[in-house]
Amino acid sequence: KQWYQRRVRGFQGLISFDFEGRFEFVIGFSVAMTTSQKHRNFVGEPMGNKKASEIPGIGEVLGERLSNQGFSDATVILGQFLLLKQDEELFQEWLKDCCAANAKQARDCCGALRDWCSAFIL
């Protein structure tokens, strides 16, 4: 395992990564979490000019649907998340209505935006 010190959702602690890409966050106790490589890549760097399809939970098909609705860039989708005051339930419902995302896709997208905001805005 490799250990990194990192701030996650306002908590300072240690993160260990194993060879399968899973990580464990430790703040005096262990909390096991699993995220995709796409999630880690998205949350690990500034937004830049990312396409909507680069957000976890949003693939090429949903990315195209979002683009047809005027949400082609990740920054525009982030703006919608912030406009909805980071209300995860409301954002997930919006995503389902806007591009027919399923519950898992909406959760993954919302989680990535939440974690990105925690890393770069708060």
N, C-alpha and C. Protein backbone atom coordinates (compact mmCIF):
# COMPACT_ATOMS: atom_id res chain seq x y z
N LYS A 1 0.84 -1.19 0.00
CA LYS A 1 0.00 0.00 0.00
C LYS A 1 0.88 1.24 0.00
N GLN A 2 0.39 2.27 -0.64
CA GLN A 2 1.06 3.56 -0.62
C GLN A 2 0.20 4.51 0.19
N TRP A 3 0.83 5.34 1.02
CA TRP A 3 0.08 6.28 1.86
C TRP A 3 0.31 7.70 1.40
N TYR A 4 -0.75 8.50 1.37
CA TYR A 4 -0.68 9.90 1.02
C TYR A 4 -1.46 10.69 2.04
N GLN A 5 -0.97 11.85 2.40
CA GLN A 5 -1.74 12.72 3.27
C GLN A 5 -2.61 13.59 2.37
N ARG A 6 -3.90 13.69 2.70
CA ARG A 6 -4.85 14.38 1.82
C ARG A 6 -6.00 14.94 2.64
N ARG A 7 -6.56 16.03 2.17
CA ARG A 7 -7.75 16.61 2.78
C ARG A 7 -8.95 16.14 1.96
N VAL A 8 -9.88 15.45 2.58
CA VAL A 8 -11.08 14.92 1.92
C VAL A 8 -12.30 15.38 2.68
N ARG A 9 -13.19 16.10 2.00
CA ARG A 9 -14.42 16.61 2.61
C ARG A 9 -14.19 17.29 3.95
N GLY A 10 -13.16 18.11 4.03
CA GLY A 10 -12.92 18.89 5.23
C GLY A 10 -12.16 18.16 6.32
N PHE A 11 -11.79 16.90 6.12
CA PHE A 11 -11.05 16.16 7.13
C PHE A 11 -9.63 15.92 6.63
N GLN A 12 -8.68 16.09 7.54
CA GLN A 12 -7.29 15.80 7.21
C GLN A 12 -7.01 14.37 7.65
N GLY A 13 -6.35 13.61 6.81
CA GLY A 13 -6.06 12.24 7.18
C GLY A 13 -5.13 11.61 6.19
N LEU A 14 -5.03 10.32 6.27
CA LEU A 14 -4.17 9.56 5.38
C LEU A 14 -5.02 8.71 4.45
N ILE A 15 -4.55 8.57 3.23
CA ILE A 15 -5.22 7.71 2.26
C ILE A 15 -4.22 6.66 1.81
N SER A 16 -4.63 5.41 1.80
CA SER A 16 -3.78 4.37 1.24
C SER A 16 -4.43 3.85 -0.03
N PHE A 17 -3.61 3.62 -1.04
CA PHE A 17 -4.09 3.06 -2.30
C PHE A 17 -3.51 1.66 -2.45
N ASP A 18 -4.33 0.70 -2.85
CA ASP A 18 -3.78 -0.61 -3.13
C ASP A 18 -3.62 -0.76 -4.65
N PHE A 19 -3.16 -1.88 -5.09
CA PHE A 19 -2.85 -2.07 -6.51
C PHE A 19 -4.09 -2.21 -7.37
N GLU A 20 -5.26 -2.40 -6.79
CA GLU A 20 -6.50 -2.52 -7.55
C GLU A 20 -7.23 -1.19 -7.63
N GLY A 21 -6.65 -0.12 -7.12
CA GLY A 21 -7.24 1.20 -7.23
C GLY A 21 -8.21 1.56 -6.12
N ARG A 22 -8.41 0.68 -5.15
CA ARG A 22 -9.28 1.02 -4.03
C ARG A 22 -8.49 1.86 -3.05
N PHE A 23 -9.18 2.67 -2.29
CA PHE A 23 -8.46 3.44 -1.28
C PHE A 23 -9.18 3.39 0.04
N GLU A 24 -8.43 3.71 1.08
CA GLU A 24 -8.92 3.69 2.44
C GLU A 24 -8.54 5.03 3.06
N PHE A 25 -9.47 5.71 3.67
CA PHE A 25 -9.22 7.01 4.29
C PHE A 25 -9.19 6.82 5.81
N VAL A 26 -8.17 7.30 6.45
CA VAL A 26 -7.99 7.06 7.88
C VAL A 26 -7.95 8.39 8.64
N ILE A 27 -8.86 8.55 9.64
CA ILE A 27 -8.85 9.70 10.56
C ILE A 27 -8.95 9.12 11.97
N GLY A 28 -8.00 8.39 12.38
CA GLY A 28 -8.07 7.76 13.70
C GLY A 28 -8.85 6.45 13.66
N PHE A 29 -9.61 6.24 12.61
CA PHE A 29 -10.30 4.99 12.38
C PHE A 29 -10.36 4.78 10.88
N SER A 30 -10.64 3.60 10.46
CA SER A 30 -10.60 3.27 9.05
C SER A 30 -11.98 3.33 8.42
N VAL A 31 -12.07 3.99 7.29
CA VAL A 31 -13.32 4.04 6.53
C VAL A 31 -12.98 3.55 5.13
N ALA A 32 -13.53 2.44 4.73
CA ALA A 32 -13.22 1.88 3.41
C ALA A 32 -14.16 2.48 2.38
N MET A 33 -13.58 2.95 1.29
CA MET A 33 -14.35 3.51 0.20
C MET A 33 -13.77 2.99 -1.11
N THR A 34 -14.59 2.84 -2.10
CA THR A 34 -14.10 2.42 -3.39
C THR A 34 -14.59 3.41 -4.42
N THR A 35 -13.68 3.92 -5.23
CA THR A 35 -14.04 4.82 -6.31
C THR A 35 -13.38 4.32 -7.58
N SER A 36 -13.90 4.76 -8.69
CA SER A 36 -13.34 4.36 -9.98
C SER A 36 -12.11 5.21 -10.30
N GLN A 37 -11.33 4.74 -11.25
CA GLN A 37 -10.18 5.51 -11.72
C GLN A 37 -10.66 6.83 -12.31
N LYS A 38 -11.80 6.79 -13.02
CA LYS A 38 -12.36 8.01 -13.61
C LYS A 38 -12.68 9.03 -12.53
N HIS A 39 -13.23 8.56 -11.40
CA HIS A 39 -13.54 9.45 -10.27
C HIS A 39 -12.26 10.07 -9.71
N ARG A 40 -11.26 9.24 -9.47
CA ARG A 40 -10.00 9.74 -8.90
C ARG A 40 -9.34 10.73 -9.85
N ASN A 41 -9.36 10.46 -11.14
CA ASN A 41 -8.78 11.39 -12.12
C ASN A 41 -9.53 12.71 -12.13
N PHE A 42 -10.86 12.65 -12.09
CA PHE A 42 -11.68 13.85 -12.14
C PHE A 42 -11.47 14.72 -10.91
N VAL A 43 -11.49 14.10 -9.74
CA VAL A 43 -11.38 14.84 -8.49
C VAL A 43 -9.95 15.31 -8.24
N GLY A 44 -8.99 14.65 -8.85
CA GLY A 44 -7.59 14.94 -8.58
C GLY A 44 -6.99 16.10 -9.34
N GLU A 45 -7.76 16.76 -10.18
CA GLU A 45 -7.19 17.87 -10.95
C GLU A 45 -8.22 18.96 -11.19
N PRO A 46 -7.77 20.18 -11.50
CA PRO A 46 -8.70 21.28 -11.77
C PRO A 46 -9.63 20.95 -12.94
N MET A 47 -10.74 21.65 -13.01
CA MET A 47 -11.77 21.38 -14.01
C MET A 47 -11.26 21.59 -15.44
N GLY A 48 -10.58 22.69 -15.68
CA GLY A 48 -10.06 22.95 -17.01
C GLY A 48 -11.16 22.96 -18.06
N ASN A 49 -10.89 22.38 -19.20
CA ASN A 49 -11.85 22.32 -20.32
C ASN A 49 -12.40 20.92 -20.51
N LYS A 50 -12.72 20.25 -19.43
CA LYS A 50 -13.21 18.88 -19.52
C LYS A 50 -14.59 18.84 -20.17
N LYS A 51 -14.81 17.77 -20.93
CA LYS A 51 -16.13 17.53 -21.51
C LYS A 51 -17.03 16.90 -20.45
N ALA A 52 -18.32 16.99 -20.67
CA ALA A 52 -19.28 16.40 -19.74
C ALA A 52 -19.03 14.90 -19.56
N SER A 53 -18.65 14.23 -20.64
CA SER A 53 -18.43 12.78 -20.58
C SER A 53 -17.24 12.40 -19.71
N GLU A 54 -16.43 13.35 -19.29
CA GLU A 54 -15.30 13.05 -18.42
C GLU A 54 -15.70 13.01 -16.95
N ILE A 55 -16.93 13.40 -16.64
CA ILE A 55 -17.42 13.32 -15.26
C ILE A 55 -17.83 11.87 -14.99
N PRO A 56 -17.41 11.30 -13.86
CA PRO A 56 -17.84 9.94 -13.52
C PRO A 56 -19.36 9.83 -13.57
N GLY A 57 -19.84 8.72 -14.08
CA GLY A 57 -21.27 8.50 -14.21
C GLY A 57 -21.82 8.97 -15.55
N ILE A 58 -21.07 9.81 -16.23
CA ILE A 58 -21.50 10.33 -17.53
C ILE A 58 -20.59 9.73 -18.60
N GLY A 59 -21.15 8.88 -19.42
CA GLY A 59 -20.39 8.30 -20.52
C GLY A 59 -20.66 9.06 -21.80
N GLU A 60 -20.32 8.44 -22.91
CA GLU A 60 -20.50 9.09 -24.21
C GLU A 60 -21.98 9.34 -24.52
N VAL A 61 -22.85 8.37 -24.21
CA VAL A 61 -24.27 8.51 -24.53
C VAL A 61 -24.90 9.64 -23.71
N LEU A 62 -24.71 9.61 -22.39
CA LEU A 62 -25.26 10.68 -21.56
C LEU A 62 -24.60 12.01 -21.87
N GLY A 63 -23.31 11.98 -22.19
CA GLY A 63 -22.61 13.20 -22.57
C GLY A 63 -23.23 13.83 -23.80
N GLU A 64 -23.60 13.00 -24.77
CA GLU A 64 -24.26 13.51 -25.99
C GLU A 64 -25.64 14.07 -25.66
N ARG A 65 -26.38 13.37 -24.82
CA ARG A 65 -27.71 13.87 -24.42
C ARG A 65 -27.60 15.21 -23.70
N LEU A 66 -26.63 15.32 -22.80
CA LEU A 66 -26.43 16.57 -22.07
C LEU A 66 -26.02 17.68 -23.03
N SER A 67 -25.16 17.35 -23.97
CA SER A 67 -24.71 18.32 -24.96
C SER A 67 -25.89 18.85 -25.78
N ASN A 68 -26.80 17.97 -26.14
CA ASN A 68 -28.00 18.37 -26.89
C ASN A 68 -28.89 19.30 -26.08
N GLN A 69 -28.77 19.24 -24.75
CA GLN A 69 -29.55 20.10 -23.86
C GLN A 69 -28.79 21.38 -23.51
N GLY A 70 -27.56 21.54 -24.06
CA GLY A 70 -26.77 22.72 -23.78
C GLY A 70 -25.76 22.56 -22.66
N PHE A 71 -25.54 21.35 -22.19
CA PHE A 71 -24.60 21.07 -21.09
C PHE A 71 -23.43 20.23 -21.61
N SER A 72 -22.63 20.80 -22.50
CA SER A 72 -21.56 20.03 -23.14
C SER A 72 -20.28 19.98 -22.32
N ASP A 73 -20.07 20.96 -21.46
CA ASP A 73 -18.83 21.03 -20.68
C ASP A 73 -19.07 20.67 -19.22
N ALA A 74 -18.05 20.10 -18.60
CA ALA A 74 -18.13 19.75 -17.19
C ALA A 74 -18.37 20.99 -16.33
N THR A 75 -17.82 22.13 -16.75
CA THR A 75 -18.01 23.36 -15.96
C THR A 75 -19.46 23.80 -15.94
N VAL A 76 -20.18 23.56 -17.03
CA VAL A 76 -21.60 23.94 -17.08
C VAL A 76 -22.41 23.03 -16.16
N ILE A 77 -22.06 21.75 -16.12
CA ILE A 77 -22.75 20.81 -15.23
C ILE A 77 -22.41 21.14 -13.77
N LEU A 78 -21.15 21.48 -13.52
CA LEU A 78 -20.77 21.93 -12.17
C LEU A 78 -21.58 23.17 -11.79
N GLY A 79 -21.77 24.08 -12.73
CA GLY A 79 -22.57 25.28 -12.47
C GLY A 79 -23.99 24.92 -12.08
N GLN A 80 -24.57 23.93 -12.75
CA GLN A 80 -25.92 23.48 -12.41
C GLN A 80 -25.95 22.90 -10.99
N PHE A 81 -24.92 22.12 -10.65
CA PHE A 81 -24.81 21.55 -9.31
C PHE A 81 -24.75 22.66 -8.26
N LEU A 82 -23.97 23.70 -8.54
CA LEU A 82 -23.85 24.83 -7.61
C LEU A 82 -25.13 25.65 -7.59
N LEU A 83 -25.76 25.82 -8.74
CA LEU A 83 -27.02 26.56 -8.83
C LEU A 83 -28.10 25.91 -7.97
N LEU A 84 -28.06 24.58 -7.91
CA LEU A 84 -29.01 23.83 -7.08
C LEU A 84 -28.51 23.73 -5.63
N LYS A 85 -27.56 24.59 -5.28
CA LYS A 85 -27.02 24.71 -3.92
C LYS A 85 -26.44 23.41 -3.39
N GLN A 86 -25.85 22.63 -4.29
CA GLN A 86 -25.21 21.36 -3.97
C GLN A 86 -26.17 20.38 -3.29
N ASP A 87 -27.45 20.54 -3.56
CA ASP A 87 -28.47 19.62 -3.04
C ASP A 87 -28.39 18.35 -3.88
N GLU A 88 -27.84 17.30 -3.30
CA GLU A 88 -27.56 16.08 -4.06
C GLU A 88 -28.82 15.42 -4.59
N GLU A 89 -29.85 15.36 -3.80
CA GLU A 89 -31.09 14.73 -4.24
C GLU A 89 -31.70 15.51 -5.41
N LEU A 90 -31.74 16.81 -5.29
CA LEU A 90 -32.29 17.66 -6.35
C LEU A 90 -31.46 17.56 -7.62
N PHE A 91 -30.13 17.57 -7.49
CA PHE A 91 -29.25 17.46 -8.66
C PHE A 91 -29.44 16.12 -9.35
N GLN A 92 -29.51 15.05 -8.57
CA GLN A 92 -29.68 13.72 -9.17
C GLN A 92 -31.01 13.62 -9.92
N GLU A 93 -32.07 14.20 -9.36
CA GLU A 93 -33.36 14.20 -10.05
C GLU A 93 -33.27 15.02 -11.34
N TRP A 94 -32.59 16.16 -11.28
CA TRP A 94 -32.40 16.98 -12.48
C TRP A 94 -31.67 16.19 -13.56
N LEU A 95 -30.61 15.48 -13.17
CA LEU A 95 -29.82 14.71 -14.13
C LEU A 95 -30.65 13.59 -14.76
N LYS A 96 -31.47 12.94 -13.95
CA LYS A 96 -32.34 11.88 -14.47
C LYS A 96 -33.34 12.46 -15.47
N ASP A 97 -33.91 13.61 -15.15
CA ASP A 97 -34.88 14.25 -16.04
C ASP A 97 -34.23 14.80 -17.31
N CYS A 98 -33.06 15.37 -17.17
CA CYS A 98 -32.39 16.05 -18.28
C CYS A 98 -31.86 15.08 -19.34
N CYS A 99 -31.25 13.97 -18.90
CA CYS A 99 -30.60 13.09 -19.88
C CYS A 99 -30.92 11.61 -19.67
N ALA A 100 -31.92 11.32 -18.86
CA ALA A 100 -32.34 9.94 -18.61
C ALA A 100 -31.24 9.10 -17.95
N ALA A 101 -30.48 9.72 -17.06
CA ALA A 101 -29.47 8.99 -16.30
C ALA A 101 -30.18 8.04 -15.34
N ASN A 102 -29.57 6.90 -15.09
CA ASN A 102 -30.14 6.00 -14.09
C ASN A 102 -29.64 6.42 -12.70
N ALA A 103 -30.11 5.77 -11.66
CA ALA A 103 -29.79 6.17 -10.29
C ALA A 103 -28.29 6.10 -10.01
N LYS A 104 -27.63 5.04 -10.47
CA LYS A 104 -26.19 4.89 -10.23
C LYS A 104 -25.40 5.97 -10.96
N GLN A 105 -25.74 6.23 -12.20
CA GLN A 105 -25.05 7.28 -12.96
C GLN A 105 -25.21 8.63 -12.27
N ALA A 106 -26.42 8.93 -11.82
CA ALA A 106 -26.69 10.20 -11.14
C ALA A 106 -25.91 10.29 -9.83
N ARG A 107 -25.85 9.19 -9.07
CA ARG A 107 -25.09 9.16 -7.81
C ARG A 107 -23.60 9.37 -8.06
N ASP A 108 -23.07 8.66 -9.08
CA ASP A 108 -21.64 8.77 -9.38
C ASP A 108 -21.27 10.19 -9.81
N CYS A 109 -22.09 10.78 -10.65
CA CYS A 109 -21.85 12.14 -11.12
C CYS A 109 -21.90 13.11 -9.95
N CYS A 110 -22.92 13.00 -9.16
CA CYS A 110 -23.10 13.89 -8.01
C CYS A 110 -21.96 13.74 -7.01
N GLY A 111 -21.57 12.51 -6.74
CA GLY A 111 -20.46 12.26 -5.81
C GLY A 111 -19.15 12.86 -6.30
N ALA A 112 -18.92 12.76 -7.60
CA ALA A 112 -17.69 13.32 -8.17
C ALA A 112 -17.70 14.84 -8.07
N LEU A 113 -18.83 15.46 -8.38
CA LEU A 113 -18.92 16.92 -8.29
C LEU A 113 -18.79 17.39 -6.84
N ARG A 114 -19.42 16.66 -5.93
CA ARG A 114 -19.31 16.99 -4.49
C ARG A 114 -17.86 16.90 -4.04
N ASP A 115 -17.18 15.80 -4.39
CA ASP A 115 -15.79 15.62 -3.98
C ASP A 115 -14.88 16.64 -4.65
N TRP A 116 -15.16 16.99 -5.91
CA TRP A 116 -14.35 18.00 -6.60
C TRP A 116 -14.51 19.34 -5.88
N CYS A 117 -15.73 19.69 -5.51
CA CYS A 117 -15.97 20.95 -4.80
C CYS A 117 -15.23 20.96 -3.46
N SER A 118 -15.25 19.83 -2.76
CA SER A 118 -14.54 19.75 -1.49
C SER A 118 -13.04 19.94 -1.66
N ALA A 119 -12.51 19.45 -2.76
CA ALA A 119 -11.07 19.54 -2.99
C ALA A 119 -10.64 20.90 -3.50
N PHE A 120 -11.50 21.57 -4.30
CA PHE A 120 -11.06 22.78 -4.99
C PHE A 120 -11.79 24.07 -4.59
N ILE A 121 -12.97 23.96 -4.00
CA ILE A 121 -13.71 25.18 -3.68
C ILE A 121 -13.70 25.46 -2.19
N LEU A 122 -13.93 24.45 -1.38
CA LEU A 122 -14.02 24.67 0.08
C LEU A 122 -12.70 24.58 0.75
